[in-house]
């Protein structure tokens, strides 16, 4: 069984470098992943390379953008988490 099955993660900077490697590992372990990135070009590239991720453009130094990111995660993943039980 995957160690992160049924879990949801927001990975900042998840489109490149360490963040992308982390995203790949979380996906492999069964997590649902949303990545946030400032650069939409990197975000689009990551979405094309990694299956089953969602991505948003968010500046983690901006509280309202972080709140919107979390809101999107809750809205997107709530149904799939509820139906598991």
PDB file of N, CA and C in Angstrom:
ATOM      1  N   UNK A   1       0.839  -1.183   0.000  1.00  0.00           N
ATOM      2  CA  UNK A   1       0.000   0.000   0.000  1.00  0.00           C
ATOM      3  C   UNK A   1       0.881   1.243   0.000  1.00  0.00           C
ATOM      4  N   UNK A   2       0.453   2.237  -0.743  1.00  0.00           N
ATOM      5  CA  UNK A   2       1.209   3.482  -0.817  1.00  0.00           C
ATOM      6  C   UNK A   2       1.123   4.234   0.506  1.00  0.00           C
ATOM      7  N   UNK A   3       2.232   4.792   0.906  1.00  0.00           N
ATOM      8  CA  UNK A   3       2.282   5.454   2.207  1.00  0.00           C
ATOM      9  C   UNK A   3       1.503   6.764   2.266  1.00  0.00           C
ATOM     10  N   UNK A   4       1.244   7.392   1.122  1.00  0.00           N
ATOM     11  CA  UNK A   4       0.510   8.658   1.115  1.00  0.00           C
ATOM     12  C   UNK A   4      -0.865   8.547   0.462  1.00  0.00           C
ATOM     13  N   UNK A   5      -1.343   7.341   0.279  1.00  0.00           N
ATOM     14  CA  UNK A   5      -2.661   7.139  -0.325  1.00  0.00           C
ATOM     15  C   UNK A   5      -3.725   7.845   0.508  1.00  0.00           C
ATOM     16  N   UNK A   6      -4.598   8.586  -0.170  1.00  0.00           N
ATOM     17  CA  UNK A   6      -5.662   9.309   0.510  1.00  0.00           C
ATOM     18  C   UNK A   6      -5.246  10.637   1.089  1.00  0.00           C
ATOM     19  N   UNK A   7      -3.999  11.017   0.909  1.00  0.00           N
ATOM     20  CA  UNK A   7      -3.495  12.300   1.417  1.00  0.00           C
ATOM     21  C   UNK A   7      -3.463  13.313   0.287  1.00  0.00           C
ATOM     22  N   UNK A   8      -3.549  14.594   0.655  1.00  0.00           N
ATOM     23  CA  UNK A   8      -3.474  15.687  -0.303  1.00  0.00           C
ATOM     24  C   UNK A   8      -2.327  16.591   0.112  1.00  0.00           C
ATOM     25  N   UNK A   9      -1.506  16.990  -0.861  1.00  0.00           N
ATOM     26  CA  UNK A   9      -0.360  17.853  -0.577  1.00  0.00           C
ATOM     27  C   UNK A   9      -0.370  19.078  -1.476  1.00  0.00           C
ATOM     28  N   UNK A  10      -0.004  20.206  -0.895  1.00  0.00           N
ATOM     29  CA  UNK A  10       0.289  21.416  -1.674  1.00  0.00           C
ATOM     30  C   UNK A  10       1.802  21.549  -1.637  1.00  0.00           C
ATOM     31  N   UNK A  11       2.412  21.554  -2.805  1.00  0.00           N
ATOM     32  CA  UNK A  11       3.870  21.663  -2.875  1.00  0.00           C
ATOM     33  C   UNK A  11       4.209  22.965  -3.579  1.00  0.00           C
ATOM     34  N   UNK A  12       4.811  23.881  -2.825  1.00  0.00           N
ATOM     35  CA  UNK A  12       5.207  25.159  -3.412  1.00  0.00           C
ATOM     36  C   UNK A  12       6.488  24.950  -4.206  1.00  0.00           C
ATOM     37  N   UNK A  13       6.555  25.608  -5.338  1.00  0.00           N
ATOM     38  CA  UNK A  13       7.715  25.411  -6.199  1.00  0.00           C
ATOM     39  C   UNK A  13       7.761  24.010  -6.781  1.00  0.00           C
ATOM     40  N   UNK A  14       6.602  23.386  -6.910  1.00  0.00           N
ATOM     41  CA  UNK A  14       6.533  21.993  -7.315  1.00  0.00           C
ATOM     42  C   UNK A  14       6.790  21.718  -8.783  1.00  0.00           C
ATOM     43  N   UNK A  15       7.080  22.756  -9.554  1.00  0.00           N
ATOM     44  CA  UNK A  15       7.281  22.567 -10.988  1.00  0.00           C
ATOM     45  C   UNK A  15       8.744  22.388 -11.380  1.00  0.00           C
ATOM     46  N   UNK A  16       9.644  22.609 -10.464  1.00  0.00           N
ATOM     47  CA  UNK A  16      11.048  22.487 -10.837  1.00  0.00           C
ATOM     48  C   UNK A  16      11.938  22.165  -9.654  1.00  0.00           C
ATOM     49  N   UNK A  17      13.132  21.676  -9.941  1.00  0.00           N
ATOM     50  CA  UNK A  17      14.135  21.407  -8.922  1.00  0.00           C
ATOM     51  C   UNK A  17      13.675  20.448  -7.843  1.00  0.00           C
ATOM     52  N   UNK A  18      13.978  20.814  -6.593  1.00  0.00           N
ATOM     53  CA  UNK A  18      13.622  19.976  -5.450  1.00  0.00           C
ATOM     54  C   UNK A  18      12.111  19.811  -5.351  1.00  0.00           C
ATOM     55  N   UNK A  19      11.366  20.886  -5.641  1.00  0.00           N
ATOM     56  CA  UNK A  19       9.912  20.810  -5.582  1.00  0.00           C
ATOM     57  C   UNK A  19       9.343  19.791  -6.552  1.00  0.00           C
ATOM     58  N   UNK A  20       9.891  19.736  -7.757  1.00  0.00           N
ATOM     59  CA  UNK A  20       9.415  18.768  -8.745  1.00  0.00           C
ATOM     60  C   UNK A  20       9.750  17.347  -8.308  1.00  0.00           C
ATOM     61  N   UNK A  21      10.937  17.153  -7.775  1.00  0.00           N
ATOM     62  CA  UNK A  21      11.329  15.834  -7.288  1.00  0.00           C
ATOM     63  C   UNK A  21      10.418  15.405  -6.138  1.00  0.00           C
ATOM     64  N   UNK A  22      10.085  16.337  -5.272  1.00  0.00           N
ATOM     65  CA  UNK A  22       9.163  16.056  -4.167  1.00  0.00           C
ATOM     66  C   UNK A  22       7.785  15.692  -4.709  1.00  0.00           C
ATOM     67  N   UNK A  23       7.329  16.456  -5.701  1.00  0.00           N
ATOM     68  CA  UNK A  23       6.035  16.175  -6.331  1.00  0.00           C
ATOM     69  C   UNK A  23       6.015  14.764  -6.907  1.00  0.00           C
ATOM     70  N   UNK A  24       7.065  14.402  -7.627  1.00  0.00           N
ATOM     71  CA  UNK A  24       7.143  13.061  -8.216  1.00  0.00           C
ATOM     72  C   UNK A  24       7.075  11.980  -7.140  1.00  0.00           C
ATOM     73  N   UNK A  25       7.788  12.180  -6.037  1.00  0.00           N
ATOM     74  CA  UNK A  25       7.806  11.202  -4.945  1.00  0.00           C
ATOM     75  C   UNK A  25       6.427  11.086  -4.301  1.00  0.00           C
ATOM     76  N   UNK A  26       5.776  12.226  -4.043  1.00  0.00           N
ATOM     77  CA  UNK A  26       4.447  12.200  -3.438  1.00  0.00           C
ATOM     78  C   UNK A  26       3.452  11.490  -4.348  1.00  0.00           C
ATOM     79  N   UNK A  27       3.517  11.754  -5.645  1.00  0.00           N
ATOM     80  CA  UNK A  27       2.622  11.079  -6.587  1.00  0.00           C
ATOM     81  C   UNK A  27       2.864   9.574  -6.585  1.00  0.00           C
ATOM     82  N   UNK A  28       4.127   9.191  -6.596  1.00  0.00           N
ATOM     83  CA  UNK A  28       4.489   7.773  -6.595  1.00  0.00           C
ATOM     84  C   UNK A  28       3.957   7.073  -5.339  1.00  0.00           C
ATOM     85  N   UNK A  29       3.919   7.805  -4.226  1.00  0.00           N
ATOM     86  CA  UNK A  29       3.450   7.230  -2.961  1.00  0.00           C
ATOM     87  C   UNK A  29       1.938   7.336  -2.790  1.00  0.00           C
ATOM     88  N   UNK A  30       1.244   7.844  -3.826  1.00  0.00           N
ATOM     89  CA  UNK A  30      -0.211   7.819  -3.810  1.00  0.00           C
ATOM     90  C   UNK A  30      -0.929   9.090  -3.411  1.00  0.00           C
ATOM     91  N   UNK A  31      -0.209  10.167  -3.158  1.00  0.00           N
ATOM     92  CA  UNK A  31      -0.846  11.424  -2.757  1.00  0.00           C
ATOM     93  C   UNK A  31      -1.491  12.124  -3.954  1.00  0.00           C
ATOM     94  N   UNK A  32      -2.502  12.905  -3.666  1.00  0.00           N
ATOM     95  CA  UNK A  32      -3.061  13.847  -4.631  1.00  0.00           C
ATOM     96  C   UNK A  32      -2.260  15.129  -4.434  1.00  0.00           C
ATOM     97  N   UNK A  33      -1.820  15.751  -5.527  1.00  0.00           N
ATOM     98  CA  UNK A  33      -0.902  16.878  -5.405  1.00  0.00           C
ATOM     99  C   UNK A  33      -1.392  18.094  -6.179  1.00  0.00           C
ATOM    100  N   UNK A  34      -1.285  19.234  -5.523  1.00  0.00           N
ATOM    101  CA  UNK A  34      -1.469  20.521  -6.178  1.00  0.00           C
ATOM    102  C   UNK A  34      -0.154  21.265  -6.027  1.00  0.00           C
ATOM    103  N   UNK A  35       0.382  21.757  -7.127  1.00  0.00           N
ATOM    104  CA  UNK A  35       1.611  22.529  -7.051  1.00  0.00           C
ATOM    105  C   UNK A  35       1.286  24.001  -7.229  1.00  0.00           C
ATOM    106  N   UNK A  36       2.080  24.830  -6.578  1.00  0.00           N
ATOM    107  CA  UNK A  36       1.953  26.267  -6.791  1.00  0.00           C
ATOM    108  C   UNK A  36       3.300  26.766  -7.302  1.00  0.00           C
ATOM    109  N   UNK A  37       3.212  27.704  -8.193  1.00  0.00           N
ATOM    110  CA  UNK A  37       4.420  28.225  -8.820  1.00  0.00           C
ATOM    111  C   UNK A  37       4.156  29.642  -9.274  1.00  0.00           C
ATOM    112  N   UNK A  38       5.144  30.497  -9.197  1.00  0.00           N
ATOM    113  CA  UNK A  38       4.997  31.864  -9.683  1.00  0.00           C
ATOM    114  C   UNK A  38       5.021  31.929 -11.207  1.00  0.00           C
ATOM    115  N   UNK A  39       5.833  31.091 -11.817  1.00  0.00           N
ATOM    116  CA  UNK A  39       6.014  31.139 -13.264  1.00  0.00           C
ATOM    117  C   UNK A  39       5.082  30.143 -13.953  1.00  0.00           C
ATOM    118  N   UNK A  40       4.093  30.654 -14.659  1.00  0.00           N
ATOM    119  CA  UNK A  40       3.096  29.801 -15.312  1.00  0.00           C
ATOM    120  C   UNK A  40       3.724  28.885 -16.365  1.00  0.00           C
ATOM    121  N   UNK A  41       4.790  29.331 -17.008  1.00  0.00           N
ATOM    122  CA  UNK A  41       5.445  28.507 -18.025  1.00  0.00           C
ATOM    123  C   UNK A  41       5.987  27.213 -17.415  1.00  0.00           C
ATOM    124  N   UNK A  42       6.644  27.311 -16.263  1.00  0.00           N
ATOM    125  CA  UNK A  42       7.145  26.118 -15.580  1.00  0.00           C
ATOM    126  C   UNK A  42       5.990  25.241 -15.104  1.00  0.00           C
ATOM    127  N   UNK A  43       4.936  25.881 -14.657  1.00  0.00           N
ATOM    128  CA  UNK A  43       3.757  25.160 -14.187  1.00  0.00           C
ATOM    129  C   UNK A  43       3.146  24.339 -15.313  1.00  0.00           C
ATOM    130  N   UNK A  44       2.998  24.943 -16.498  1.00  0.00           N
ATOM    131  CA  UNK A  44       2.436  24.227 -17.648  1.00  0.00           C
ATOM    132  C   UNK A  44       3.331  23.061 -18.054  1.00  0.00           C
ATOM    133  N   UNK A  45       4.642  23.278 -18.008  1.00  0.00           N
ATOM    134  CA  UNK A  45       5.586  22.214 -18.356  1.00  0.00           C
ATOM    135  C   UNK A  45       5.454  21.051 -17.365  1.00  0.00           C
ATOM    136  N   UNK A  46       5.355  21.360 -16.089  1.00  0.00           N
ATOM    137  CA  UNK A  46       5.223  20.310 -15.080  1.00  0.00           C
ATOM    138  C   UNK A  46       3.924  19.543 -15.270  1.00  0.00           C
ATOM    139  N   UNK A  47       2.842  20.242 -15.574  1.00  0.00           N
ATOM    140  CA  UNK A  47       1.565  19.557 -15.781  1.00  0.00           C
ATOM    141  C   UNK A  47       1.635  18.609 -16.968  1.00  0.00           C
ATOM    142  N   UNK A  48       2.425  18.964 -17.992  1.00  0.00           N
ATOM    143  CA  UNK A  48       2.539  18.081 -19.148  1.00  0.00           C
ATOM    144  C   UNK A  48       3.454  16.885 -18.862  1.00  0.00           C
ATOM    145  N   UNK A  49       4.392  17.040 -17.939  1.00  0.00           N
ATOM    146  CA  UNK A  49       5.340  15.968 -17.630  1.00  0.00           C
ATOM    147  C   UNK A  49       4.859  15.042 -16.515  1.00  0.00           C
ATOM    148  N   UNK A  50       4.061  15.561 -15.609  1.00  0.00           N
ATOM    149  CA  UNK A  50       3.618  14.789 -14.452  1.00  0.00           C
ATOM    150  C   UNK A  50       2.131  14.515 -14.565  1.00  0.00           C
ATOM    151  N   UNK A  51       1.751  13.287 -14.407  1.00  0.00           N
ATOM    152  CA  UNK A  51       0.333  12.934 -14.486  1.00  0.00           C
ATOM    153  C   UNK A  51      -0.348  13.186 -13.158  1.00  0.00           C
ATOM    154  N   UNK A  52      -1.617  13.489 -13.226  1.00  0.00           N
ATOM    155  CA  UNK A  52      -2.481  13.578 -12.057  1.00  0.00           C
ATOM    156  C   UNK A  52      -2.070  14.659 -11.060  1.00  0.00           C
ATOM    157  N   UNK A  53      -1.658  15.825 -11.563  1.00  0.00           N
ATOM    158  CA  UNK A  53      -1.429  16.948 -10.664  1.00  0.00           C
ATOM    159  C   UNK A  53      -2.343  18.087 -11.071  1.00  0.00           C
ATOM    160  N   UNK A  54      -2.560  18.957 -10.134  1.00  0.00           N
ATOM    161  CA  UNK A  54      -3.241  20.214 -10.383  1.00  0.00           C
ATOM    162  C   UNK A  54      -2.241  21.302 -10.072  1.00  0.00           C
ATOM    163  N   UNK A  55      -2.393  22.435 -10.716  1.00  0.00           N
ATOM    164  CA  UNK A  55      -1.432  23.505 -10.507  1.00  0.00           C
ATOM    165  C   UNK A  55      -2.133  24.849 -10.471  1.00  0.00           C
ATOM    166  N   UNK A  56      -1.613  25.719  -9.627  1.00  0.00           N
ATOM    167  CA  UNK A  56      -2.106  27.086  -9.550  1.00  0.00           C
ATOM    168  C   UNK A  56      -0.914  28.028  -9.493  1.00  0.00           C
ATOM    169  N   UNK A  57      -1.116  29.209 -10.001  1.00  0.00           N
ATOM    170  CA  UNK A  57      -0.103  30.253  -9.891  1.00  0.00           C
ATOM    171  C   UNK A  57      -0.358  30.950  -8.562  1.00  0.00           C
ATOM    172  N   UNK A  58       0.598  30.891  -7.661  1.00  0.00           N
ATOM    173  CA  UNK A  58       0.418  31.501  -6.347  1.00  0.00           C
ATOM    174  C   UNK A  58       1.755  31.981  -5.799  1.00  0.00           C
ATOM    175  N   UNK A  59       1.723  33.167  -5.232  1.00  0.00           N
ATOM    176  CA  UNK A  59       2.882  33.747  -4.562  1.00  0.00           C
ATOM    177  C   UNK A  59       2.719  33.464  -3.071  1.00  0.00           C
ATOM    178  N   UNK A  60       3.580  32.645  -2.506  1.00  0.00           N
ATOM    179  CA  UNK A  60       3.420  32.247  -1.110  1.00  0.00           C
ATOM    180  C   UNK A  60       3.710  33.386  -0.138  1.00  0.00           C
ATOM    181  N   UNK A  61       4.200  34.508  -0.631  1.00  0.00           N
ATOM    182  CA  UNK A  61       4.381  35.674   0.233  1.00  0.00           C
ATOM    183  C   UNK A  61       3.122  36.537   0.270  1.00  0.00           C
ATOM    184  N   UNK A  62       2.106  36.138  -0.493  1.00  0.00           N
ATOM    185  CA  UNK A  62       0.844  36.876  -0.553  1.00  0.00           C
ATOM    186  C   UNK A  62      -0.241  36.034   0.126  1.00  0.00           C
ATOM    187  N   UNK A  63      -0.682  36.465   1.288  1.00  0.00           N
ATOM    188  CA  UNK A  63      -1.614  35.674   2.085  1.00  0.00           C
ATOM    189  C   UNK A  63      -2.901  35.350   1.341  1.00  0.00           C
ATOM    190  N   UNK A  64      -3.446  36.295   0.598  1.00  0.00           N
ATOM    191  CA  UNK A  64      -4.704  36.027  -0.105  1.00  0.00           C
ATOM    192  C   UNK A  64      -4.517  34.985  -1.209  1.00  0.00           C
ATOM    193  N   UNK A  65      -3.361  34.964  -1.857  1.00  0.00           N
ATOM    194  CA  UNK A  65      -3.100  33.942  -2.872  1.00  0.00           C
ATOM    195  C   UNK A  65      -2.950  32.560  -2.238  1.00  0.00           C
ATOM    196  N   UNK A  66      -2.342  32.505  -1.078  1.00  0.00           N
ATOM    197  CA  UNK A  66      -2.210  31.225  -0.366  1.00  0.00           C
ATOM    198  C   UNK A  66      -3.595  30.742   0.066  1.00  0.00           C
ATOM    199  N   UNK A  67      -4.417  31.643   0.579  1.00  0.00           N
ATOM    200  CA  UNK A  67      -5.778  31.268   0.971  1.00  0.00           C
ATOM    201  C   UNK A  67      -6.563  30.742  -0.222  1.00  0.00           C
ATOM    202  N   UNK A  68      -6.413  31.389  -1.373  1.00  0.00           N
ATOM    203  CA  UNK A  68      -7.107  30.938  -2.582  1.00  0.00           C
ATOM    204  C   UNK A  68      -6.607  29.558  -3.012  1.00  0.00           C
ATOM    205  N   UNK A  69      -5.315  29.331  -2.885  1.00  0.00           N
ATOM    206  CA  UNK A  69      -4.727  28.028  -3.226  1.00  0.00           C
ATOM    207  C   UNK A  69      -5.322  26.935  -2.341  1.00  0.00           C
ATOM    208  N   UNK A  70      -5.384  27.179  -1.045  1.00  0.00           N
ATOM    209  CA  UNK A  70      -5.947  26.195  -0.114  1.00  0.00           C
ATOM    210  C   UNK A  70      -7.433  25.984  -0.418  1.00  0.00           C
ATOM    211  N   UNK A  71      -8.142  27.048  -0.716  1.00  0.00           N
ATOM    212  CA  UNK A  71      -9.565  26.938  -1.062  1.00  0.00           C
ATOM    213  C   UNK A  71      -9.750  26.047  -2.289  1.00  0.00           C
ATOM    214  N   UNK A  72      -8.893  26.220  -3.296  1.00  0.00           N
ATOM    215  CA  UNK A  72      -8.988  25.387  -4.495  1.00  0.00           C
ATOM    216  C   UNK A  72      -8.736  23.922  -4.173  1.00  0.00           C
ATOM    217  N   UNK A  73      -7.781  23.652  -3.304  1.00  0.00           N
ATOM    218  CA  UNK A  73      -7.491  22.268  -2.915  1.00  0.00           C
ATOM    219  C   UNK A  73      -8.710  21.656  -2.237  1.00  0.00           C
ATOM    220  N   UNK A  74      -9.287  22.392  -1.309  1.00  0.00           N
ATOM    221  CA  UNK A  74     -10.455  21.886  -0.590  1.00  0.00           C
ATOM    222  C   UNK A  74     -11.600  21.622  -1.553  1.00  0.00           C
ATOM    223  N   UNK A  75     -11.879  22.571  -2.437  1.00  0.00           N
ATOM    224  CA  UNK A  75     -12.973  22.403  -3.389  1.00  0.00           C
ATOM    225  C   UNK A  75     -12.719  21.247  -4.355  1.00  0.00           C
ATOM    226  N   UNK A  76     -11.502  21.131  -4.827  1.00  0.00           N
ATOM    227  CA  UNK A  76     -11.190  20.108  -5.833  1.00  0.00           C
ATOM    228  C   UNK A  76     -11.152  18.699  -5.237  1.00  0.00           C
ATOM    229  N   UNK A  77     -10.576  18.568  -4.064  1.00  0.00           N
ATOM    230  CA  UNK A  77     -10.327  17.239  -3.522  1.00  0.00           C
ATOM    231  C   UNK A  77     -11.357  16.766  -2.502  1.00  0.00           C
ATOM    232  N   UNK A  78     -12.227  17.613  -2.016  1.00  0.00           N
ATOM    233  CA  UNK A  78     -13.187  17.207  -0.984  1.00  0.00           C
ATOM    234  C   UNK A  78     -14.042  16.052  -1.427  1.00  0.00           C
ATOM    235  N   UNK A  79     -14.612  16.107  -2.610  1.00  0.00           N
ATOM    236  CA  UNK A  79     -15.506  15.037  -3.061  1.00  0.00           C
ATOM    237  C   UNK A  79     -14.791  13.706  -3.129  1.00  0.00           C
ATOM    238  N   UNK A  80     -13.586  13.689  -3.684  1.00  0.00           N
ATOM    239  CA  UNK A  80     -12.880  12.417  -3.813  1.00  0.00           C
ATOM    240  C   UNK A  80     -12.474  11.866  -2.445  1.00  0.00           C
ATOM    241  N   UNK A  81     -12.210  12.724  -1.483  1.00  0.00           N
ATOM    242  CA  UNK A  81     -11.851  12.237  -0.152  1.00  0.00           C
ATOM    243  C   UNK A  81     -13.081  11.726   0.587  1.00  0.00           C
ATOM    244  N   UNK A  82     -14.203  12.402   0.433  1.00  0.00           N
ATOM    245  CA  UNK A  82     -15.424  11.981   1.111  1.00  0.00           C
ATOM    246  C   UNK A  82     -15.883  10.628   0.588  1.00  0.00           C
ATOM    247  N   UNK A  83     -15.791  10.413  -0.701  1.00  0.00           N
ATOM    248  CA  UNK A  83     -16.280   9.166  -1.292  1.00  0.00           C
ATOM    249  C   UNK A  83     -15.409   7.964  -0.945  1.00  0.00           C
ATOM    250  N   UNK A  84     -14.218   8.202  -0.402  1.00  0.00           N
ATOM    251  CA  UNK A  84     -13.359   7.093   0.023  1.00  0.00           C
ATOM    252  C   UNK A  84     -13.942   6.338   1.197  1.00  0.00           C
ATOM    253  N   UNK A  85     -14.699   7.013   2.045  1.00  0.00           N
ATOM    254  CA  UNK A  85     -15.164   6.426   3.307  1.00  0.00           C
ATOM    255  C   UNK A  85     -16.498   5.782   3.188  1.00  0.00           C
TER     256      UNK A  85
END
